[in-house]
Amino acid sequence: MGVFAFLPLVLPLTAWPIARLAEQHLHPRTATRLLTAVAAVMAACSTLCLALVMVVGTAQLPGNPLPDGWSDPEVRAAVPYDEVVGKAAIPALCAVLAACARTLWRHARVRRRAHRALAGLPATGVAVLPDETPYAYALPGGRRDRVVVTTGLLERLRPAERRALFAHERAHLTAGHHRFLLTVQLAARANPFLRPLRTAVAYTAERWADEEAARHVGSRRTVAHAIGKAALVSRGIPAPTLAGFAAPGPVPRRVAALLGPEPVVRRWPSLFTAVGLAAWCAAAGSAVSAMSSANAAVTMVLILHAATPL
């Protein structure tokens, strides 16, 4: 199995260049989908390889429930430095699983509380809360997807800016941006090297909704003004896996992008550009990560099968 068991743990570094370049040069929709897919593949592969290395480490512990053959020298020799890395993988994998479980639990708890807070309101697509605290966010799930906004924020926006706000949040719900955000949150928990992709997707998802809102209201400047106003007074969103109109992040960059030309939709960037080269490197890293983890998994299964007494 050799080095193939460890490559997926460090290959996420190949995705760092595409994180920033995708924000600047790809259409937000393309960037969000590309970065989320890369993060998901690399996180799954690195977690799988941690689990494979942990098998050998666990097999060496006294009193473990695994077959005795799994701790034979031949099995331990299949993973380099098994005495150190195999045992270190046990707490590492436990930490990864605990962090991912905590993220899922917090996401579910925030959504339950938000739906519970809206229980007494009419079951419409927009829930206006009588609250002076200005904020707005897209709340998926429950009986129906809803846009949650407070009177404190609506009072600070002009009618055209309100239309931009609602169009922005509906774009989040229509495209299912909460799924992208949750996926990259889990990926970053699984492998810290994927945190730049989490930050990039949080930005590109907002930019995607910005462009949809601009197309709906017919004025990019109106959306830019609405975002700027909301950012000055808003206190953010209840959880990073929910999408909000004035979510924390590089708001000035979003405003500057809306005041510039509309981004061009490209299905895949050319190799002969900086962003194209970075995208191909990230894709290659994902492919190598997948092949390495598959090779390690198949090898480990064959070794353990041979070492398991019939």
Protein backbone atom coordinates (compact mmCIF):
# COMPACT_ATOMS: atom_id res chain seq x y z
CA MET A 1 0.00 0.00 0.00
CA GLY A 2 2.96 2.27 0.78
CA VAL A 3 2.78 5.99 0.17
CA PHE A 4 -0.66 5.73 -1.50
CA ALA A 5 -2.20 5.58 1.98
CA PHE A 6 -0.86 9.04 2.82
CA LEU A 7 -1.09 10.97 -0.45
CA PRO A 8 -4.79 11.93 -0.02
CA LEU A 9 -3.95 13.56 3.31
CA VAL A 10 -1.73 16.20 1.65
CA LEU A 11 -3.12 16.38 -1.91
CA PRO A 12 -5.70 19.04 -0.86
CA LEU A 13 -2.76 21.46 -1.05
CA THR A 14 -3.06 21.21 -4.85
CA ALA A 15 -6.48 22.89 -4.63
CA TRP A 16 -5.24 26.06 -2.94
CA PRO A 17 -4.42 28.00 -6.16
CA ILE A 18 -7.88 27.39 -7.65
CA ALA A 19 -9.62 28.68 -4.50
CA ARG A 20 -8.67 32.32 -5.06
CA LEU A 21 -8.44 32.25 -8.86
CA ALA A 22 -11.93 30.76 -9.18
CA GLU A 23 -13.35 33.64 -7.15
CA GLN A 24 -11.82 36.15 -9.52
CA HIS A 25 -12.09 34.57 -12.95
CA LEU A 26 -14.87 31.97 -13.04
CA HIS A 27 -18.59 32.57 -13.05
CA PRO A 28 -19.79 32.23 -9.42
CA ARG A 29 -22.06 29.31 -10.32
CA THR A 30 -19.20 27.40 -11.98
CA ALA A 31 -16.79 28.26 -9.17
CA THR A 32 -19.20 27.12 -6.45
CA ARG A 33 -19.87 23.77 -8.08
CA LEU A 34 -16.22 23.13 -8.98
CA LEU A 35 -14.80 24.01 -5.56
CA THR A 36 -17.49 22.06 -3.71
CA ALA A 37 -16.88 18.95 -5.81
CA VAL A 38 -13.11 19.16 -5.32
CA ALA A 39 -13.51 19.65 -1.56
CA ALA A 40 -15.96 16.76 -1.21
CA VAL A 41 -13.79 14.30 -3.16
CA MET A 42 -10.59 15.21 -1.35
CA ALA A 43 -12.22 15.15 2.09
CA ALA A 44 -13.78 11.75 1.47
CA CYS A 45 -10.48 10.31 0.21
CA SER A 46 -8.42 11.67 3.11
CA THR A 47 -10.93 10.36 5.65
CA LEU A 48 -10.96 6.94 3.99
CA CYS A 49 -7.17 6.74 4.12
CA LEU A 50 -7.17 7.77 7.77
CA ALA A 51 -9.56 4.91 8.44
CA LEU A 52 -7.36 2.45 6.52
CA VAL A 53 -4.26 3.45 8.45
CA MET A 54 -6.24 3.28 11.68
CA VAL A 55 -7.12 -0.37 11.04
CA VAL A 56 -3.49 -1.35 11.39
CA GLY A 57 -3.04 0.85 14.44
CA THR A 58 -6.15 -0.53 16.10
CA ALA A 59 -5.12 -4.12 15.36
CA GLN A 60 -2.01 -3.62 17.50
CA LEU A 61 -3.89 -2.55 20.62
CA PRO A 62 -4.33 -5.24 23.30
CA GLY A 63 -7.87 -6.45 23.77
CA ASN A 64 -9.14 -5.13 20.42
CA PRO A 65 -12.11 -7.00 18.88
CA LEU A 66 -10.41 -7.48 15.50
CA PRO A 67 -9.13 -10.87 14.27
CA ASP A 68 -5.68 -11.77 15.60
CA GLY A 69 -4.36 -12.12 12.06
CA TRP A 70 -4.81 -8.40 11.46
CA SER A 71 -1.94 -7.62 13.86
CA ASP A 72 0.53 -9.99 12.18
CA PRO A 73 3.87 -8.47 11.14
CA GLU A 74 2.96 -8.97 7.47
CA VAL A 75 -0.13 -6.78 7.88
CA ARG A 76 1.72 -4.12 9.85
CA ALA A 77 4.43 -4.04 7.20
CA ALA A 78 1.84 -3.05 4.58
CA VAL A 79 1.75 0.49 6.00
CA PRO A 80 5.05 2.36 6.41
CA TYR A 81 5.88 3.43 9.97
CA ASP A 82 2.76 1.69 11.27
CA GLU A 83 3.96 1.86 14.87
CA VAL A 84 3.68 5.66 14.85
CA VAL A 85 1.27 6.61 12.07
CA GLY A 86 -1.16 3.75 12.62
CA LYS A 87 -1.72 4.62 16.26
CA ALA A 88 -1.73 8.38 15.60
CA ALA A 89 -4.51 7.87 13.05
CA ILE A 90 -6.86 6.63 15.78
CA PRO A 91 -7.26 9.95 17.64
CA ALA A 92 -7.04 11.84 14.33
CA LEU A 93 -9.97 9.94 12.85
CA CYS A 94 -11.94 10.28 16.08
CA ALA A 95 -11.35 14.04 15.99
CA VAL A 96 -12.52 14.21 12.35
CA LEU A 97 -15.70 12.25 13.06
CA ALA A 98 -16.44 14.31 16.17
CA ALA A 99 -15.93 17.60 14.32
CA CYS A 100 -18.16 16.53 11.44
CA ALA A 101 -20.83 15.26 13.82
CA ARG A 102 -20.75 18.54 15.74
CA THR A 103 -21.13 20.52 12.49
CA LEU A 104 -24.14 18.43 11.43
CA TRP A 105 -25.69 18.66 14.90
CA ARG A 106 -25.25 22.44 15.04
CA HIS A 107 -26.68 22.86 11.54
CA ALA A 108 -29.73 20.76 12.42
CA ARG A 109 -30.19 22.56 15.75
CA VAL A 110 -30.09 26.02 14.13
CA ARG A 111 -32.62 24.98 11.49
CA ARG A 112 -34.94 23.45 14.11
CA ARG A 113 -34.82 26.59 16.23
CA ALA A 114 -35.42 28.81 13.21
CA HIS A 115 -38.45 26.79 12.09
CA ARG A 116 -39.76 26.73 15.65
CA ALA A 117 -39.48 30.52 15.85
CA LEU A 118 -41.63 30.81 12.70
CA ALA A 119 -44.31 28.42 13.90
CA GLY A 120 -46.89 31.14 14.60
CA LEU A 121 -46.43 32.99 11.31
CA PRO A 122 -48.39 32.37 8.09
CA ALA A 123 -46.94 29.56 5.97
CA THR A 124 -45.80 31.84 3.15
CA GLY A 125 -42.54 32.00 1.27
CA VAL A 126 -41.45 35.10 3.20
CA ALA A 127 -41.41 35.34 6.98
CA VAL A 128 -41.16 38.90 8.32
CA LEU A 129 -40.17 38.99 11.98
CA PRO A 130 -41.11 42.02 14.11
CA ASP A 131 -37.55 42.55 15.26
CA GLU A 132 -35.47 45.73 15.21
CA THR A 133 -32.28 43.70 14.78
CA PRO A 134 -31.53 43.86 11.03
CA TYR A 135 -30.81 40.51 9.38
CA ALA A 136 -32.06 38.23 6.62
CA TYR A 137 -31.29 34.69 5.56
CA ALA A 138 -32.62 31.78 3.49
CA LEU A 139 -34.13 28.97 5.57
CA PRO A 140 -34.53 25.66 3.69
CA GLY A 141 -36.52 22.63 4.78
CA GLY A 142 -39.57 22.22 6.95
CA ARG A 143 -42.89 22.44 5.15
CA ARG A 144 -41.42 24.82 2.62
CA ASP A 145 -38.36 26.93 1.94
CA ARG A 146 -38.68 30.42 3.38
CA VAL A 147 -36.95 33.78 3.31
CA VAL A 148 -36.57 35.16 6.83
CA VAL A 149 -36.18 38.92 7.21
CA THR A 150 -36.75 41.35 10.05
CA THR A 151 -38.62 44.64 10.00
CA GLY A 152 -35.40 46.25 11.22
CA LEU A 153 -33.71 45.48 7.91
CA LEU A 154 -36.70 46.19 5.67
CA GLU A 155 -37.09 49.65 7.18
CA ARG A 156 -33.54 50.52 6.12
CA LEU A 157 -33.99 49.54 2.47
CA ARG A 158 -35.77 51.27 -0.37
CA PRO A 159 -38.45 49.29 -2.31
CA ALA A 160 -36.07 48.41 -5.15
CA GLU A 161 -33.46 47.26 -2.64
CA ARG A 162 -36.06 45.11 -0.90
CA ARG A 163 -36.80 43.40 -4.20
CA ALA A 164 -33.07 42.78 -4.57
CA LEU A 165 -32.94 41.29 -1.07
CA PHE A 166 -35.83 38.88 -1.71
CA ALA A 167 -34.43 37.91 -5.14
CA HIS A 168 -31.05 37.21 -3.55
CA GLU A 169 -32.46 34.96 -0.82
CA ARG A 170 -34.75 33.13 -3.24
CA ALA A 171 -31.71 32.44 -5.42
CA HIS A 172 -30.05 30.80 -2.42
CA LEU A 173 -33.06 28.56 -1.91
CA THR A 174 -33.58 27.72 -5.57
CA ALA A 175 -29.95 26.70 -6.08
CA GLY A 176 -29.70 24.88 -2.75
CA HIS A 177 -26.69 26.85 -1.59
CA HIS A 178 -27.05 25.50 1.95
CA ARG A 179 -25.98 22.11 0.61
CA PHE A 180 -22.81 23.54 -0.93
CA LEU A 181 -22.01 25.43 2.27
CA LEU A 182 -22.60 22.40 4.48
CA THR A 183 -20.50 20.18 2.21
CA VAL A 184 -17.46 22.46 2.33
CA GLN A 185 -17.91 22.95 6.09
CA LEU A 186 -17.72 19.19 6.56
CA ALA A 187 -14.79 18.94 4.15
CA ALA A 188 -12.84 21.55 6.10
CA ARG A 189 -13.55 19.62 9.31
CA ALA A 190 -12.30 16.42 7.70
CA ASN A 191 -9.08 17.97 6.40
CA PRO A 192 -7.82 21.40 7.56
CA PHE A 193 -6.00 21.85 4.23
CA LEU A 194 -9.44 22.38 2.64
CA ARG A 195 -10.30 25.50 4.64
CA PRO A 196 -9.40 27.87 1.77
CA LEU A 197 -12.03 26.12 -0.35
CA ARG A 198 -14.62 26.57 2.40
CA THR A 199 -13.92 30.32 2.48
CA ALA A 200 -14.00 30.53 -1.32
CA VAL A 201 -17.35 28.72 -1.62
CA ALA A 202 -18.91 30.94 1.04
CA TYR A 203 -17.97 33.90 -1.16
CA THR A 204 -18.88 32.42 -4.55
CA ALA A 205 -22.28 31.25 -3.29
CA GLU A 206 -23.08 34.82 -2.28
CA ARG A 207 -21.80 36.10 -5.61
CA TRP A 208 -23.97 33.54 -7.42
CA ALA A 209 -27.03 34.84 -5.56
CA ASP A 210 -25.93 38.44 -6.23
CA GLU A 211 -25.88 37.82 -9.98
CA GLU A 212 -29.27 36.11 -9.91
CA ALA A 213 -30.71 39.03 -7.95
CA ALA A 214 -29.22 41.53 -10.40
CA ARG A 215 -30.73 39.63 -13.32
CA HIS A 216 -34.12 39.56 -11.58
CA VAL A 217 -34.32 43.27 -10.67
CA GLY A 218 -32.54 44.41 -13.82
CA SER A 219 -30.00 46.61 -12.04
CA ARG A 220 -26.62 45.52 -10.73
CA ARG A 221 -26.15 48.88 -9.01
CA THR A 222 -29.37 48.45 -7.01
CA VAL A 223 -28.20 45.08 -5.70
CA ALA A 224 -24.81 46.56 -4.84
CA HIS A 225 -26.43 49.39 -2.88
CA ALA A 226 -28.70 46.96 -1.04
CA ILE A 227 -25.76 44.71 -0.08
CA GLY A 228 -23.74 47.68 1.14
CA LYS A 229 -26.58 49.01 3.28
CA ALA A 230 -27.39 45.60 4.74
CA ALA A 231 -23.74 44.92 5.54
CA LEU A 232 -23.44 48.17 7.49
CA VAL A 233 -26.32 47.36 9.82
CA SER A 234 -26.71 43.56 9.75
CA ARG A 235 -25.43 41.23 12.42
CA GLY A 236 -24.91 38.28 10.11
CA ILE A 237 -26.58 34.90 10.00
CA PRO A 238 -27.29 32.25 12.66
CA ALA A 239 -24.98 29.58 11.17
CA PRO A 240 -22.30 29.45 8.45
CA THR A 241 -24.21 26.70 6.64
CA LEU A 242 -27.16 29.04 6.00
CA ALA A 243 -26.92 31.71 3.32
CA GLY A 244 -27.63 35.33 4.17
CA PHE A 245 -27.93 38.60 2.31
CA ALA A 246 -25.22 40.30 4.39
CA ALA A 247 -23.24 37.25 5.45
CA PRO A 248 -19.83 37.97 6.96
CA GLY A 249 -17.13 38.08 4.34
CA PRO A 250 -15.60 40.30 1.67
CA VAL A 251 -18.63 42.52 1.10
CA PRO A 252 -16.55 45.24 -0.65
CA ARG A 253 -15.44 42.68 -3.23
CA ARG A 254 -19.05 41.66 -3.84
CA VAL A 255 -20.07 45.29 -4.32
CA ALA A 256 -17.12 45.97 -6.63
CA ALA A 257 -17.99 42.89 -8.71
CA LEU A 258 -21.59 44.07 -9.10
CA LEU A 259 -20.44 47.51 -10.18
CA GLY A 260 -18.28 45.90 -12.85
CA PRO A 261 -19.29 43.92 -15.96
CA GLU A 262 -21.38 40.79 -15.70
CA PRO A 263 -19.22 37.65 -15.45
CA VAL A 264 -19.01 35.40 -18.49
CA VAL A 265 -20.30 31.85 -18.13
CA ARG A 266 -17.63 29.27 -18.96
CA ARG A 267 -18.23 25.56 -18.51
CA TRP A 268 -14.50 24.86 -18.07
CA PRO A 269 -11.60 27.34 -18.29
CA SER A 270 -8.89 26.97 -20.91
CA LEU A 271 -5.67 25.27 -19.85
CA PHE A 272 -3.68 28.21 -21.22
CA THR A 273 -4.86 30.61 -18.51
CA ALA A 274 -3.89 30.92 -14.85
CA VAL A 275 -7.32 29.86 -13.63
CA GLY A 276 -7.44 27.03 -16.18
CA LEU A 277 -4.06 25.70 -15.07
CA ALA A 278 -5.13 25.90 -11.41
CA ALA A 279 -8.43 24.16 -12.20
CA TRP A 280 -6.66 21.33 -14.01
CA CYS A 281 -4.19 21.00 -11.11
CA ALA A 282 -7.08 20.78 -8.65
CA ALA A 283 -8.85 18.23 -10.86
CA ALA A 284 -5.64 16.22 -11.19
CA GLY A 285 -5.14 16.37 -7.43
CA SER A 286 -8.68 15.11 -6.90
CA ALA A 287 -8.17 12.30 -9.41
CA VAL A 288 -4.86 11.23 -7.86
CA SER A 289 -6.44 11.42 -4.40
CA ALA A 290 -9.32 9.20 -5.50
CA MET A 291 -7.01 6.69 -7.20
CA SER A 292 -4.63 6.63 -4.24
CA SER A 293 -7.38 6.01 -1.72
CA ALA A 294 -8.93 3.36 -3.97
CA ASN A 295 -5.58 1.64 -4.37
CA ALA A 296 -4.98 1.75 -0.62
CA ALA A 297 -8.48 0.45 0.12
CA VAL A 298 -8.27 -2.46 -2.33
CA THR A 299 -4.79 -3.38 -1.12
CA MET A 300 -5.87 -3.27 2.52
CA VAL A 301 -8.96 -5.38 1.85
CA LEU A 302 -6.85 -8.02 0.07
CA ILE A 303 -4.25 -8.05 2.85
CA LEU A 304 -6.80 -8.32 5.63
CA HIS A 305 -8.76 -10.95 3.74
CA ALA A 306 -5.60 -13.03 3.40
CA ALA A 307 -4.74 -12.50 7.09
CA THR A 308 -8.22 -13.34 8.41
CA PRO A 309 -8.53 -16.95 9.54
CA LEU A 310 -11.34 -18.88 7.89
